[in-house]
Amino acid sequence: MLLLDRPAPAEFVTRFQQTTPPVVAKGVEDTAFYRYARLVALCDVGGDPGRFGISVADFHAGNAERAERFPLAMLTTNTHDTKRSADVRARIAALSTMRARWEEHVRRWLELTEPLRQDSAPDDLERYFLFQTLLGAWPIEPARIEEYMEKALREAKRNTNWVDQNPGWEQSVKGFCRALYSHRSFLDDFEPFRGRGGAGR
């Protein structure tokens, strides 16, 4: 490793390599990836939300190169630190193929769920994050989505965090999540979209 145009001491290189991955993980994967919700399937361990897609030819070329360079490497879609399972990410990624329909439904859901908000919580970014999560994981138990949103809110560090928690905001978001399960006008639009050619089958 070169540092300032000269070889760095071995001890420094070791410490640098031990320190930078957790710093990047905490700053990017455990903060930015919970704040950037353009398509949350891209915001996962090892992901690059700035790379929104590749051509089929590039996909096959990448696989061929990987097979040549790392023929014994494991192919995996999940790790111990994966934020969403492969099937959830695939359902969310499918939204990228139906931009106009997705936008139409999100705008409708934001309007339909506005009365469920308490003291401005959740904000629009959090609701957008939640809608994608529900589409990917539906059906999911209310308690589980509440726990997930608590984690997501704290990781994002926007309206609450692990160190300086905002219980009022968190409870309002959890109440919003619970209310969705009995909000008929939302469900009547959400479930058909999820089940028939939306993010699902």
C-alpha atoms as a PDB file:
ATOM      1  CA  MET A   1       0.000   0.000   0.000  1.00  0.00           C
ATOM      2  CA  LEU A   2       1.247   3.466  -0.902  1.00  0.00           C
ATOM      3  CA  LEU A   3       0.585   6.408   1.350  1.00  0.00           C
ATOM      4  CA  LEU A   4       1.768   9.844   0.271  1.00  0.00           C
ATOM      5  CA  ASP A   5       3.698   8.305  -2.649  1.00  0.00           C
ATOM      6  CA  ARG A   6       5.763   6.015  -0.459  1.00  0.00           C
ATOM      7  CA  PRO A   7       5.175   2.574   1.063  1.00  0.00           C
ATOM      8  CA  ALA A   8       3.266   2.700   4.325  1.00  0.00           C
ATOM      9  CA  PRO A   9       4.575   0.876   7.406  1.00  0.00           C
ATOM     10  CA  ALA A  10       3.164  -2.647   7.707  1.00  0.00           C
ATOM     11  CA  GLU A  11       1.626  -1.897  11.119  1.00  0.00           C
ATOM     12  CA  PHE A  12      -0.244   1.082   9.669  1.00  0.00           C
ATOM     13  CA  VAL A  13      -1.508  -0.976   6.726  1.00  0.00           C
ATOM     14  CA  THR A  14      -2.849  -3.633   9.100  1.00  0.00           C
ATOM     15  CA  ARG A  15      -4.582  -1.107  11.351  1.00  0.00           C
ATOM     16  CA  PHE A  16      -5.942   0.788   8.337  1.00  0.00           C
ATOM     17  CA  GLN A  17      -7.406  -2.401   6.903  1.00  0.00           C
ATOM     18  CA  GLN A  18      -8.931  -3.326  10.274  1.00  0.00           C
ATOM     19  CA  THR A  19     -10.493   0.104  10.787  1.00  0.00           C
ATOM     20  CA  THR A  20     -11.853   1.206   7.427  1.00  0.00           C
ATOM     21  CA  PRO A  21     -14.376  -1.619   6.790  1.00  0.00           C
ATOM     22  CA  PRO A  22     -16.366  -1.014  10.000  1.00  0.00           C
ATOM     23  CA  VAL A  23     -16.264   2.742   9.424  1.00  0.00           C
ATOM     24  CA  VAL A  24     -17.628   2.293   5.904  1.00  0.00           C
ATOM     25  CA  ALA A  25     -20.177  -0.260   7.110  1.00  0.00           C
ATOM     26  CA  LYS A  26     -21.475   2.071   9.817  1.00  0.00           C
ATOM     27  CA  GLY A  27     -21.532   5.149   7.595  1.00  0.00           C
ATOM     28  CA  VAL A  28     -22.823   3.591   4.378  1.00  0.00           C
ATOM     29  CA  GLU A  29     -24.590   0.282   4.997  1.00  0.00           C
ATOM     30  CA  ASP A  30     -25.944   1.165   8.451  1.00  0.00           C
ATOM     31  CA  THR A  31     -26.828   4.814   7.825  1.00  0.00           C
ATOM     32  CA  ALA A  32     -26.960   5.970   4.209  1.00  0.00           C
ATOM     33  CA  PHE A  33     -28.662   2.789   3.020  1.00  0.00           C
ATOM     34  CA  TYR A  34     -31.539   3.508   5.426  1.00  0.00           C
ATOM     35  CA  ARG A  35     -31.798   7.112   4.243  1.00  0.00           C
ATOM     36  CA  TYR A  36     -31.728   6.527   0.490  1.00  0.00           C
ATOM     37  CA  ALA A  37     -34.991   4.935  -0.604  1.00  0.00           C
ATOM     38  CA  ARG A  38     -35.048   5.310  -4.385  1.00  0.00           C
ATOM     39  CA  LEU A  39     -35.099   1.511  -4.643  1.00  0.00           C
ATOM     40  CA  VAL A  40     -34.271  -0.137  -1.328  1.00  0.00           C
ATOM     41  CA  ALA A  41     -33.395  -3.469  -2.970  1.00  0.00           C
ATOM     42  CA  LEU A  42     -30.161  -1.785  -4.080  1.00  0.00           C
ATOM     43  CA  CYS A  43     -29.330  -0.667  -0.552  1.00  0.00           C
ATOM     44  CA  ASP A  44     -27.885  -3.856   0.831  1.00  0.00           C
ATOM     45  CA  VAL A  45     -24.514  -5.203   1.882  1.00  0.00           C
ATOM     46  CA  GLY A  46     -22.116  -4.849  -1.033  1.00  0.00           C
ATOM     47  CA  GLY A  47     -24.707  -2.968  -3.052  1.00  0.00           C
ATOM     48  CA  ASP A  48     -24.301   0.228  -5.036  1.00  0.00           C
ATOM     49  CA  PRO A  49     -27.540   2.250  -5.272  1.00  0.00           C
ATOM     50  CA  GLY A  50     -25.893   4.444  -7.896  1.00  0.00           C
ATOM     51  CA  ARG A  51     -25.739   1.471 -10.269  1.00  0.00           C
ATOM     52  CA  PHE A  52     -29.380   1.151 -11.200  1.00  0.00           C
ATOM     53  CA  GLY A  53     -29.037  -1.730 -13.628  1.00  0.00           C
ATOM     54  CA  ILE A  54     -26.938  -3.385 -16.293  1.00  0.00           C
ATOM     55  CA  SER A  55     -27.640  -4.917 -19.670  1.00  0.00           C
ATOM     56  CA  VAL A  56     -28.145  -8.658 -20.107  1.00  0.00           C
ATOM     57  CA  ALA A  57     -24.896  -8.796 -22.079  1.00  0.00           C
ATOM     58  CA  ASP A  58     -22.984  -7.098 -19.254  1.00  0.00           C
ATOM     59  CA  PHE A  59     -24.542  -9.495 -16.748  1.00  0.00           C
ATOM     60  CA  HIS A  60     -23.372 -12.533 -18.716  1.00  0.00           C
ATOM     61  CA  ALA A  61     -19.932 -11.017 -19.297  1.00  0.00           C
ATOM     62  CA  GLY A  62     -19.568 -10.387 -15.574  1.00  0.00           C
ATOM     63  CA  ASN A  63     -20.544 -13.971 -14.785  1.00  0.00           C
ATOM     64  CA  ALA A  64     -18.035 -15.311 -17.319  1.00  0.00           C
ATOM     65  CA  GLU A  65     -15.250 -13.192 -15.837  1.00  0.00           C
ATOM     66  CA  ARG A  66     -16.150 -14.301 -12.318  1.00  0.00           C
ATOM     67  CA  ALA A  67     -16.168 -17.971 -13.384  1.00  0.00           C
ATOM     68  CA  GLU A  68     -12.738 -17.560 -14.937  1.00  0.00           C
ATOM     69  CA  ARG A  69     -11.155 -15.608 -12.082  1.00  0.00           C
ATOM     70  CA  PHE A  70     -12.850 -17.328  -9.146  1.00  0.00           C
ATOM     71  CA  PRO A  71     -14.046 -20.765 -10.341  1.00  0.00           C
ATOM     72  CA  LEU A  72     -14.451 -22.140  -6.812  1.00  0.00           C
ATOM     73  CA  ALA A  73     -16.112 -19.066  -5.309  1.00  0.00           C
ATOM     74  CA  MET A  74     -19.465 -19.487  -3.655  1.00  0.00           C
ATOM     75  CA  LEU A  75     -22.499 -17.910  -5.310  1.00  0.00           C
ATOM     76  CA  THR A  76     -24.683 -16.409  -2.634  1.00  0.00           C
ATOM     77  CA  THR A  77     -27.525 -13.954  -2.427  1.00  0.00           C
ATOM     78  CA  ASN A  78     -27.524 -13.659   1.366  1.00  0.00           C
ATOM     79  CA  THR A  79     -24.906 -13.095   4.033  1.00  0.00           C
ATOM     80  CA  HIS A  80     -25.014 -12.899   7.819  1.00  0.00           C
ATOM     81  CA  ASP A  81     -25.538  -9.146   7.420  1.00  0.00           C
ATOM     82  CA  THR A  82     -28.095  -9.061   4.592  1.00  0.00           C
ATOM     83  CA  LYS A  83     -30.823  -6.519   5.308  1.00  0.00           C
ATOM     84  CA  ARG A  84     -33.453  -8.178   3.116  1.00  0.00           C
ATOM     85  CA  SER A  85     -33.718 -11.741   1.843  1.00  0.00           C
ATOM     86  CA  ALA A  86     -33.100 -12.456  -1.842  1.00  0.00           C
ATOM     87  CA  ASP A  87     -36.794 -12.974  -2.596  1.00  0.00           C
ATOM     88  CA  VAL A  88     -37.739  -9.689  -0.893  1.00  0.00           C
ATOM     89  CA  ARG A  89     -35.066  -7.835  -2.849  1.00  0.00           C
ATOM     90  CA  ALA A  90     -36.266  -9.449  -6.089  1.00  0.00           C
ATOM     91  CA  ARG A  91     -39.867  -8.348  -5.502  1.00  0.00           C
ATOM     92  CA  ILE A  92     -38.757  -4.793  -4.746  1.00  0.00           C
ATOM     93  CA  ALA A  93     -36.398  -4.748  -7.737  1.00  0.00           C
ATOM     94  CA  ALA A  94     -39.342  -5.670  -9.975  1.00  0.00           C
ATOM     95  CA  LEU A  95     -40.739  -2.199  -9.287  1.00  0.00           C
ATOM     96  CA  SER A  96     -38.044  -0.784 -11.556  1.00  0.00           C
ATOM     97  CA  THR A  97     -39.861  -2.338 -14.529  1.00  0.00           C
ATOM     98  CA  MET A  98     -43.130  -0.516 -13.846  1.00  0.00           C
ATOM     99  CA  ARG A  99     -42.158   3.024 -12.977  1.00  0.00           C
ATOM    100  CA  ALA A 100     -45.392   4.753 -14.011  1.00  0.00           C
ATOM    101  CA  ARG A 101     -47.672   2.263 -12.222  1.00  0.00           C
ATOM    102  CA  TRP A 102     -45.482   2.313  -9.126  1.00  0.00           C
ATOM    103  CA  GLU A 103     -45.483   6.111  -9.001  1.00  0.00           C
ATOM    104  CA  GLU A 104     -49.261   6.213  -9.402  1.00  0.00           C
ATOM    105  CA  HIS A 105     -49.798   3.793  -6.517  1.00  0.00           C
ATOM    106  CA  VAL A 106     -47.293   5.469  -4.201  1.00  0.00           C
ATOM    107  CA  ARG A 107     -48.926   8.850  -4.710  1.00  0.00           C
ATOM    108  CA  ARG A 108     -52.301   7.277  -3.943  1.00  0.00           C
ATOM    109  CA  TRP A 109     -50.971   5.509  -0.829  1.00  0.00           C
ATOM    110  CA  LEU A 110     -49.377   8.698   0.483  1.00  0.00           C
ATOM    111  CA  GLU A 111     -52.741  10.416   0.139  1.00  0.00           C
ATOM    112  CA  LEU A 112     -54.762   7.532   1.577  1.00  0.00           C
ATOM    113  CA  THR A 113     -52.502   7.101   4.603  1.00  0.00           C
ATOM    114  CA  GLU A 114     -52.095  10.784   5.437  1.00  0.00           C
ATOM    115  CA  PRO A 115     -54.816  10.612   8.156  1.00  0.00           C
ATOM    116  CA  LEU A 116     -52.910   7.788   9.893  1.00  0.00           C
ATOM    117  CA  ARG A 117     -49.879   9.945  10.631  1.00  0.00           C
ATOM    118  CA  GLN A 118     -49.384  11.319  14.143  1.00  0.00           C
ATOM    119  CA  ASP A 119     -47.377  14.505  14.686  1.00  0.00           C
ATOM    120  CA  SER A 120     -45.988  14.244  11.123  1.00  0.00           C
ATOM    121  CA  ALA A 121     -44.683  10.720  11.736  1.00  0.00           C
ATOM    122  CA  PRO A 122     -43.764   8.857   9.680  1.00  0.00           C
ATOM    123  CA  ASP A 123     -42.436  11.402   7.214  1.00  0.00           C
ATOM    124  CA  ASP A 124     -42.738  10.824   3.471  1.00  0.00           C
ATOM    125  CA  LEU A 125     -39.319   9.191   3.126  1.00  0.00           C
ATOM    126  CA  GLU A 126     -40.141   6.756   5.923  1.00  0.00           C
ATOM    127  CA  ARG A 127     -43.515   5.944   4.367  1.00  0.00           C
ATOM    128  CA  TYR A 128     -41.884   5.335   0.982  1.00  0.00           C
ATOM    129  CA  PHE A 129     -39.331   3.046   2.654  1.00  0.00           C
ATOM    130  CA  LEU A 130     -42.163   1.224   4.420  1.00  0.00           C
ATOM    131  CA  PHE A 131     -44.269   0.764   1.268  1.00  0.00           C
ATOM    132  CA  GLN A 132     -41.352  -0.902  -0.520  1.00  0.00           C
ATOM    133  CA  THR A 133     -40.642  -3.092   2.494  1.00  0.00           C
ATOM    134  CA  LEU A 134     -44.271  -4.205   2.719  1.00  0.00           C
ATOM    135  CA  LEU A 135     -44.378  -5.024  -0.996  1.00  0.00           C
ATOM    136  CA  GLY A 136     -41.264  -7.141  -0.683  1.00  0.00           C
ATOM    137  CA  ALA A 137     -42.234  -8.993   2.486  1.00  0.00           C
ATOM    138  CA  TRP A 138     -46.055  -9.153   2.329  1.00  0.00           C
ATOM    139  CA  PRO A 139     -47.731 -10.834   4.092  1.00  0.00           C
ATOM    140  CA  ILE A 140     -45.775  -9.939   7.207  1.00  0.00           C
ATOM    141  CA  GLU A 141     -46.940  -9.857  10.820  1.00  0.00           C
ATOM    142  CA  PRO A 142     -47.650  -6.345  12.162  1.00  0.00           C
ATOM    143  CA  ALA A 143     -45.311  -6.832  15.132  1.00  0.00           C
ATOM    144  CA  ARG A 144     -42.476  -7.815  12.827  1.00  0.00           C
ATOM    145  CA  ILE A 145     -42.845  -4.777  10.564  1.00  0.00           C
ATOM    146  CA  GLU A 146     -42.976  -2.541  13.653  1.00  0.00           C
ATOM    147  CA  GLU A 147     -39.717  -4.011  14.945  1.00  0.00           C
ATOM    148  CA  TYR A 148     -38.132  -3.664  11.522  1.00  0.00           C
ATOM    149  CA  MET A 149     -39.195  -0.023  11.188  1.00  0.00           C
ATOM    150  CA  GLU A 150     -37.823   0.750  14.654  1.00  0.00           C
ATOM    151  CA  LYS A 151     -34.453  -0.603  13.531  1.00  0.00           C
ATOM    152  CA  ALA A 152     -34.644   1.223  10.179  1.00  0.00           C
ATOM    153  CA  LEU A 153     -35.502   4.525  11.878  1.00  0.00           C
ATOM    154  CA  ARG A 154     -32.635   4.222  14.324  1.00  0.00           C
ATOM    155  CA  GLU A 155     -30.145   3.176  11.665  1.00  0.00           C
ATOM    156  CA  ALA A 156     -31.134   6.125   9.456  1.00  0.00           C
ATOM    157  CA  LYS A 157     -30.455   8.505  12.373  1.00  0.00           C
ATOM    158  CA  ARG A 158     -32.839  11.112  10.995  1.00  0.00           C
ATOM    159  CA  ASN A 159     -35.688  11.336  13.530  1.00  0.00           C
ATOM    160  CA  THR A 160     -34.340   8.938  16.162  1.00  0.00           C
ATOM    161  CA  ASN A 161     -31.237   6.813  16.660  1.00  0.00           C
ATOM    162  CA  TRP A 162     -29.728   4.129  18.888  1.00  0.00           C
ATOM    163  CA  VAL A 163     -27.974   6.586  21.202  1.00  0.00           C
ATOM    164  CA  ASP A 164     -30.533   9.411  21.454  1.00  0.00           C
ATOM    165  CA  GLN A 165     -33.863   7.707  20.917  1.00  0.00           C
ATOM    166  CA  ASN A 166     -37.055   9.619  20.176  1.00  0.00           C
ATOM    167  CA  PRO A 167     -39.743   7.356  21.717  1.00  0.00           C
ATOM    168  CA  GLY A 168     -42.594   9.603  20.594  1.00  0.00           C
ATOM    169  CA  TRP A 169     -41.567   9.443  16.939  1.00  0.00           C
ATOM    170  CA  GLU A 170     -40.944   5.708  17.102  1.00  0.00           C
ATOM    171  CA  GLN A 171     -44.343   5.029  18.680  1.00  0.00           C
ATOM    172  CA  SER A 172     -46.091   7.175  16.078  1.00  0.00           C
ATOM    173  CA  VAL A 173     -44.421   5.224  13.269  1.00  0.00           C
ATOM    174  CA  LYS A 174     -45.330   1.913  14.911  1.00  0.00           C
ATOM    175  CA  GLY A 175     -48.915   3.117  15.322  1.00  0.00           C
ATOM    176  CA  PHE A 176     -48.956   4.018  11.634  1.00  0.00           C
ATOM    177  CA  CYS A 177     -47.721   0.532  10.740  1.00  0.00           C
ATOM    178  CA  ARG A 178     -50.426  -1.103  12.870  1.00  0.00           C
ATOM    179  CA  ALA A 179     -53.133   1.116  11.426  1.00  0.00           C
ATOM    180  CA  LEU A 180     -52.255   0.085   7.858  1.00  0.00           C
ATOM    181  CA  TYR A 181     -53.433  -3.463   8.580  1.00  0.00           C
ATOM    182  CA  SER A 182     -57.002  -2.319   9.151  1.00  0.00           C
ATOM    183  CA  HIS A 183     -57.049   0.647   6.761  1.00  0.00           C
ATOM    184  CA  ARG A 184     -59.391  -0.756   4.143  1.00  0.00           C
ATOM    185  CA  SER A 185     -58.918   1.930   1.495  1.00  0.00           C
ATOM    186  CA  PHE A 186     -55.152   1.391   1.575  1.00  0.00           C
ATOM    187  CA  LEU A 187     -55.379  -2.414   1.590  1.00  0.00           C
ATOM    188  CA  ASP A 188     -57.935  -2.431  -1.238  1.00  0.00           C
ATOM    189  CA  ASP A 189     -55.360  -0.752  -3.453  1.00  0.00           C
ATOM    190  CA  PHE A 190     -52.174  -2.261  -2.013  1.00  0.00           C
ATOM    191  CA  GLU A 191     -53.092  -5.954  -1.994  1.00  0.00           C
ATOM    192  CA  PRO A 192     -54.213  -6.196  -5.651  1.00  0.00           C
ATOM    193  CA  PHE A 193     -51.076  -4.346  -6.760  1.00  0.00           C
ATOM    194  CA  ARG A 194     -48.908  -6.661  -4.659  1.00  0.00           C
ATOM    195  CA  GLY A 195     -50.689  -9.809  -5.794  1.00  0.00           C
ATOM    196  CA  ARG A 196     -51.450  -9.284  -9.479  1.00  0.00           C
ATOM    197  CA  GLY A 197     -48.484  -8.131 -11.502  1.00  0.00           C
ATOM    198  CA  GLY A 198     -47.301  -5.532  -9.043  1.00  0.00           C
ATOM    199  CA  ALA A 199     -44.255  -6.618  -7.106  1.00  0.00           C
ATOM    200  CA  GLY A 200     -45.593 -10.119  -6.705  1.00  0.00           C
ATOM    201  CA  ARG A 201     -46.723 -12.953  -8.961  1.00  0.00           C
END
